[in-house]
Amino acid sequence: MFIGEYTFKVDSKGRMSIPSLFRQELCDGDPNRPNADRPRMIIVYGLDNQKQLIVYTQAAFEALAADIAAKPRGDKNRLLLQKYVLGKSHPMEIDPDGRMVLPAFLREKIAIEKEAYFSGNGETFEIWKPETHAAFEETLSHKVIEEHGEEFDPFSLL
């Protein structure tokens, strides 16, 4: 499972380290990878207004694609999922040094320059520009406090 928060430097070619715990999860999520030291992952970049990249293991993305394919043909939700999940995805591999090379179009989409913020979400992790994520967190915190009060305990949702 992907958990935790990390910030890593991004070089001019888009290379960045992947948190070691995330690398292990990516390996576990791609047991049939053709190259033993290069697990595959899928990055969903989605709609134009999406401010983060959502990263799936190979196995998790295949399961997601199967869920989409299970929807009835012609179903408008299936068509949207095909367009904005399957169509707006990019396959990648970890390099032998445990890094990923984020293509320029993905760096530009979320405005990453010198640093990338990684946020674990269980089955997936997200990559953000650190400042964008901080602004998102601040807005979310205000909404949570408005809805649940100052003494909100997230464990109360369980």
C-alpha atoms as a PDB file:
ATOM      1  CA  MET A   1       0.000   0.000   0.000  1.00  0.00           C
ATOM      2  CA  PHE A   2       1.243   3.503  -0.801  1.00  0.00           C
ATOM      3  CA  ILE A   3       1.431   5.593   2.382  1.00  0.00           C
ATOM      4  CA  GLY A   4       3.269   8.726   3.471  1.00  0.00           C
ATOM      5  CA  GLU A   5       4.361  12.044   2.035  1.00  0.00           C
ATOM      6  CA  TYR A   6       7.685  12.799   0.357  1.00  0.00           C
ATOM      7  CA  THR A   7       9.294  15.627  -1.593  1.00  0.00           C
ATOM      8  CA  PHE A   8      12.064  14.979  -4.110  1.00  0.00           C
ATOM      9  CA  LYS A   9      14.122  17.115  -6.438  1.00  0.00           C
ATOM     10  CA  VAL A  10      13.437  17.015 -10.179  1.00  0.00           C
ATOM     11  CA  ASP A  11      16.311  17.559 -12.601  1.00  0.00           C
ATOM     12  CA  SER A  12      16.123  19.347 -15.969  1.00  0.00           C
ATOM     13  CA  LYS A  13      15.404  16.046 -17.771  1.00  0.00           C
ATOM     14  CA  GLY A  14      12.468  15.252 -15.491  1.00  0.00           C
ATOM     15  CA  ARG A  15      14.282  12.580 -13.478  1.00  0.00           C
ATOM     16  CA  MET A  16      13.213  12.175  -9.875  1.00  0.00           C
ATOM     17  CA  SER A  17      13.640   9.525  -7.218  1.00  0.00           C
ATOM     18  CA  ILE A  18      10.626   7.508  -6.195  1.00  0.00           C
ATOM     19  CA  PRO A  19      10.206   6.922  -2.450  1.00  0.00           C
ATOM     20  CA  SER A  20      11.740   3.534  -1.601  1.00  0.00           C
ATOM     21  CA  LEU A  21       8.511   2.262  -0.015  1.00  0.00           C
ATOM     22  CA  PHE A  22       6.677   3.211  -3.206  1.00  0.00           C
ATOM     23  CA  ARG A  23       9.264   1.414  -5.352  1.00  0.00           C
ATOM     24  CA  GLN A  24       8.702  -1.797  -3.407  1.00  0.00           C
ATOM     25  CA  GLU A  25       4.945  -1.494  -3.851  1.00  0.00           C
ATOM     26  CA  LEU A  26       5.412  -0.906  -7.597  1.00  0.00           C
ATOM     27  CA  CYS A  27       7.538  -4.070  -7.768  1.00  0.00           C
ATOM     28  CA  ASP A  28       4.901  -6.055  -5.884  1.00  0.00           C
ATOM     29  CA  GLY A  29       2.214  -4.649  -8.196  1.00  0.00           C
ATOM     30  CA  ASP A  30       4.005  -5.842 -11.337  1.00  0.00           C
ATOM     31  CA  PRO A  31       4.972  -9.475 -10.688  1.00  0.00           C
ATOM     32  CA  ASN A  32       5.082 -10.341 -14.420  1.00  0.00           C
ATOM     33  CA  ARG A  33       7.315  -7.452 -15.487  1.00  0.00           C
ATOM     34  CA  PRO A  34       9.609  -8.287 -18.396  1.00  0.00           C
ATOM     35  CA  ASN A  35      12.625  -6.585 -16.776  1.00  0.00           C
ATOM     36  CA  ALA A  36      13.175  -7.643 -13.156  1.00  0.00           C
ATOM     37  CA  ASP A  37      14.631  -4.339 -11.918  1.00  0.00           C
ATOM     38  CA  ARG A  38      12.225  -2.066 -13.827  1.00  0.00           C
ATOM     39  CA  PRO A  39       8.656  -2.299 -12.540  1.00  0.00           C
ATOM     40  CA  ARG A  40       5.977  -0.684 -14.659  1.00  0.00           C
ATOM     41  CA  MET A  41       3.411   1.863 -13.541  1.00  0.00           C
ATOM     42  CA  ILE A  42       0.600   3.791 -15.170  1.00  0.00           C
ATOM     43  CA  ILE A  43       0.177   7.542 -14.687  1.00  0.00           C
ATOM     44  CA  VAL A  44      -3.332   8.904 -15.138  1.00  0.00           C
ATOM     45  CA  TYR A  45      -3.223  12.609 -15.991  1.00  0.00           C
ATOM     46  CA  GLY A  46      -6.934  12.958 -16.734  1.00  0.00           C
ATOM     47  CA  LEU A  47      -8.918  16.094 -17.378  1.00  0.00           C
ATOM     48  CA  ASP A  48      -7.246  19.385 -18.276  1.00  0.00           C
ATOM     49  CA  ASN A  49      -8.054  20.841 -14.854  1.00  0.00           C
ATOM     50  CA  GLN A  50      -6.560  17.888 -12.919  1.00  0.00           C
ATOM     51  CA  LYS A  51      -3.700  19.306 -10.858  1.00  0.00           C
ATOM     52  CA  GLN A  52      -2.008  16.037  -9.900  1.00  0.00           C
ATOM     53  CA  LEU A  53      -0.844  12.830 -11.523  1.00  0.00           C
ATOM     54  CA  ILE A  54      -2.361   9.617 -10.179  1.00  0.00           C
ATOM     55  CA  VAL A  55      -0.006   6.635 -10.297  1.00  0.00           C
ATOM     56  CA  TYR A  56      -1.191   3.012 -10.336  1.00  0.00           C
ATOM     57  CA  THR A  57       0.756  -0.213 -10.197  1.00  0.00           C
ATOM     58  CA  GLN A  58       0.497  -2.294 -13.348  1.00  0.00           C
ATOM     59  CA  ALA A  59      -1.837  -4.784 -11.611  1.00  0.00           C
ATOM     60  CA  ALA A  60      -4.071  -2.082 -10.090  1.00  0.00           C
ATOM     61  CA  PHE A  61      -4.442  -0.337 -13.440  1.00  0.00           C
ATOM     62  CA  GLU A  62      -5.288  -3.611 -15.187  1.00  0.00           C
ATOM     63  CA  ALA A  63      -7.996  -4.192 -12.566  1.00  0.00           C
ATOM     64  CA  LEU A  64      -9.310  -0.658 -13.113  1.00  0.00           C
ATOM     65  CA  ALA A  65      -9.364  -1.189 -16.890  1.00  0.00           C
ATOM     66  CA  ALA A  66     -11.295  -4.441 -16.349  1.00  0.00           C
ATOM     67  CA  ASP A  67     -13.842  -2.587 -14.185  1.00  0.00           C
ATOM     68  CA  ILE A  68     -14.284  -0.035 -16.973  1.00  0.00           C
ATOM     69  CA  ALA A  69     -14.629  -2.776 -19.620  1.00  0.00           C
ATOM     70  CA  ALA A  70     -17.292  -4.492 -17.466  1.00  0.00           C
ATOM     71  CA  LYS A  71     -19.622  -1.517 -17.864  1.00  0.00           C
ATOM     72  CA  PRO A  72     -22.168  -1.913 -20.687  1.00  0.00           C
ATOM     73  CA  ARG A  73     -21.025  -0.886 -24.140  1.00  0.00           C
ATOM     74  CA  GLY A  74     -22.412   2.520 -25.040  1.00  0.00           C
ATOM     75  CA  ASP A  75     -22.891   3.459 -21.368  1.00  0.00           C
ATOM     76  CA  LYS A  76     -22.029   7.154 -21.040  1.00  0.00           C
ATOM     77  CA  ASN A  77     -20.015   6.542 -17.853  1.00  0.00           C
ATOM     78  CA  ARG A  78     -17.974   3.872 -19.622  1.00  0.00           C
ATOM     79  CA  LEU A  79     -17.287   6.293 -22.468  1.00  0.00           C
ATOM     80  CA  LEU A  80     -16.153   9.003 -20.037  1.00  0.00           C
ATOM     81  CA  LEU A  81     -13.930   6.569 -18.129  1.00  0.00           C
ATOM     82  CA  GLN A  82     -12.404   5.339 -21.382  1.00  0.00           C
ATOM     83  CA  LYS A  83     -11.717   8.905 -22.489  1.00  0.00           C
ATOM     84  CA  TYR A  84     -10.427  10.424 -19.234  1.00  0.00           C
ATOM     85  CA  VAL A  85      -8.832   7.420 -17.548  1.00  0.00           C
ATOM     86  CA  LEU A  86      -7.690   4.984 -20.219  1.00  0.00           C
ATOM     87  CA  GLY A  87      -7.079   7.618 -22.880  1.00  0.00           C
ATOM     88  CA  LYS A  88      -5.389  10.089 -20.549  1.00  0.00           C
ATOM     89  CA  SER A  89      -2.839   7.629 -19.144  1.00  0.00           C
ATOM     90  CA  HIS A  90       0.862   7.143 -19.710  1.00  0.00           C
ATOM     91  CA  PRO A  91       2.787   3.915 -19.048  1.00  0.00           C
ATOM     92  CA  MET A  92       6.237   4.192 -17.472  1.00  0.00           C
ATOM     93  CA  GLU A  93       9.005   2.120 -15.918  1.00  0.00           C
ATOM     94  CA  ILE A  94      11.329   2.803 -13.023  1.00  0.00           C
ATOM     95  CA  ASP A  95      14.912   3.135 -14.203  1.00  0.00           C
ATOM     96  CA  PRO A  96      17.647   0.912 -12.714  1.00  0.00           C
ATOM     97  CA  ASP A  97      18.534   3.693 -10.222  1.00  0.00           C
ATOM     98  CA  GLY A  98      15.024   3.762  -8.721  1.00  0.00           C
ATOM     99  CA  ARG A  99      13.970   6.908 -10.527  1.00  0.00           C
ATOM    100  CA  MET A 100      11.263   7.846 -12.940  1.00  0.00           C
ATOM    101  CA  VAL A 101      11.700  10.166 -15.892  1.00  0.00           C
ATOM    102  CA  LEU A 102       8.572  12.269 -16.121  1.00  0.00           C
ATOM    103  CA  PRO A 103       7.986  13.384 -19.726  1.00  0.00           C
ATOM    104  CA  ALA A 104       7.881  17.123 -20.413  1.00  0.00           C
ATOM    105  CA  PHE A 105       4.154  17.099 -21.244  1.00  0.00           C
ATOM    106  CA  LEU A 106       3.341  15.671 -17.783  1.00  0.00           C
ATOM    107  CA  ARG A 107       5.704  18.083 -16.004  1.00  0.00           C
ATOM    108  CA  GLU A 108       4.074  20.956 -17.860  1.00  0.00           C
ATOM    109  CA  LYS A 109       0.562  19.712 -17.100  1.00  0.00           C
ATOM    110  CA  ILE A 110       1.067  20.001 -13.344  1.00  0.00           C
ATOM    111  CA  ALA A 111       3.738  22.738 -13.537  1.00  0.00           C
ATOM    112  CA  ILE A 112       6.491  20.735 -11.832  1.00  0.00           C
ATOM    113  CA  GLU A 113       9.838  22.450 -11.987  1.00  0.00           C
ATOM    114  CA  LYS A 114      12.461  21.710  -9.325  1.00  0.00           C
ATOM    115  CA  GLU A 115      10.556  19.553  -6.831  1.00  0.00           C
ATOM    116  CA  ALA A 116       7.790  16.967  -6.801  1.00  0.00           C
ATOM    117  CA  TYR A 117       5.534  16.111  -3.880  1.00  0.00           C
ATOM    118  CA  PHE A 118       4.457  12.462  -3.524  1.00  0.00           C
ATOM    119  CA  SER A 119       1.353  11.565  -1.519  1.00  0.00           C
ATOM    120  CA  GLY A 120       0.393   7.962  -0.788  1.00  0.00           C
ATOM    121  CA  ASN A 121      -3.309   7.093  -1.095  1.00  0.00           C
ATOM    122  CA  GLY A 122      -3.343   3.364  -0.441  1.00  0.00           C
ATOM    123  CA  GLU A 123      -3.861   1.733  -3.841  1.00  0.00           C
ATOM    124  CA  THR A 124      -2.387   4.739  -5.693  1.00  0.00           C
ATOM    125  CA  PHE A 125      -0.067   7.643  -5.106  1.00  0.00           C
ATOM    126  CA  GLU A 126      -0.200  11.175  -6.428  1.00  0.00           C
ATOM    127  CA  ILE A 127       2.489  13.491  -7.741  1.00  0.00           C
ATOM    128  CA  TRP A 128       1.953  17.222  -7.268  1.00  0.00           C
ATOM    129  CA  LYS A 129       3.804  20.477  -7.562  1.00  0.00           C
ATOM    130  CA  PRO A 130       4.499  21.117  -3.842  1.00  0.00           C
ATOM    131  CA  GLU A 131       2.936  24.588  -3.829  1.00  0.00           C
ATOM    132  CA  THR A 132      -0.201  23.370  -5.590  1.00  0.00           C
ATOM    133  CA  HIS A 133      -0.606  20.566  -3.084  1.00  0.00           C
ATOM    134  CA  ALA A 134      -0.117  22.959  -0.144  1.00  0.00           C
ATOM    135  CA  ALA A 135      -2.867  25.227  -1.479  1.00  0.00           C
ATOM    136  CA  PHE A 136      -5.151  22.217  -2.031  1.00  0.00           C
ATOM    137  CA  GLU A 137      -4.493  20.972   1.529  1.00  0.00           C
ATOM    138  CA  GLU A 138      -5.270  24.400   2.991  1.00  0.00           C
ATOM    139  CA  THR A 139      -8.574  24.607   1.115  1.00  0.00           C
ATOM    140  CA  LEU A 140      -9.459  21.042   2.087  1.00  0.00           C
ATOM    141  CA  SER A 141      -8.638  21.687   5.760  1.00  0.00           C
ATOM    142  CA  HIS A 142     -10.953  24.698   5.829  1.00  0.00           C
ATOM    143  CA  LYS A 143     -13.765  22.672   4.230  1.00  0.00           C
ATOM    144  CA  VAL A 144     -13.311  19.807   6.702  1.00  0.00           C
ATOM    145  CA  ILE A 145     -13.390  22.182   9.676  1.00  0.00           C
ATOM    146  CA  GLU A 146     -16.508  23.922   8.312  1.00  0.00           C
ATOM    147  CA  GLU A 147     -18.276  20.605   7.805  1.00  0.00           C
ATOM    148  CA  HIS A 148     -17.059  18.650  10.858  1.00  0.00           C
ATOM    149  CA  GLY A 149     -15.889  21.294  13.353  1.00  0.00           C
ATOM    150  CA  GLU A 150     -12.547  22.168  14.953  1.00  0.00           C
ATOM    151  CA  GLU A 151     -12.361  18.942  16.969  1.00  0.00           C
ATOM    152  CA  PHE A 152     -12.761  16.655  13.953  1.00  0.00           C
ATOM    153  CA  ASP A 153     -11.095  13.249  14.306  1.00  0.00           C
ATOM    154  CA  PRO A 154     -10.643  11.496  10.944  1.00  0.00           C
ATOM    155  CA  PHE A 155     -10.870   8.099  12.680  1.00  0.00           C
ATOM    156  CA  SER A 156     -14.489   8.943  13.486  1.00  0.00           C
ATOM    157  CA  LEU A 157     -15.273   8.205   9.831  1.00  0.00           C
ATOM    158  CA  LEU A 158     -14.474   4.504  10.323  1.00  0.00           C
END
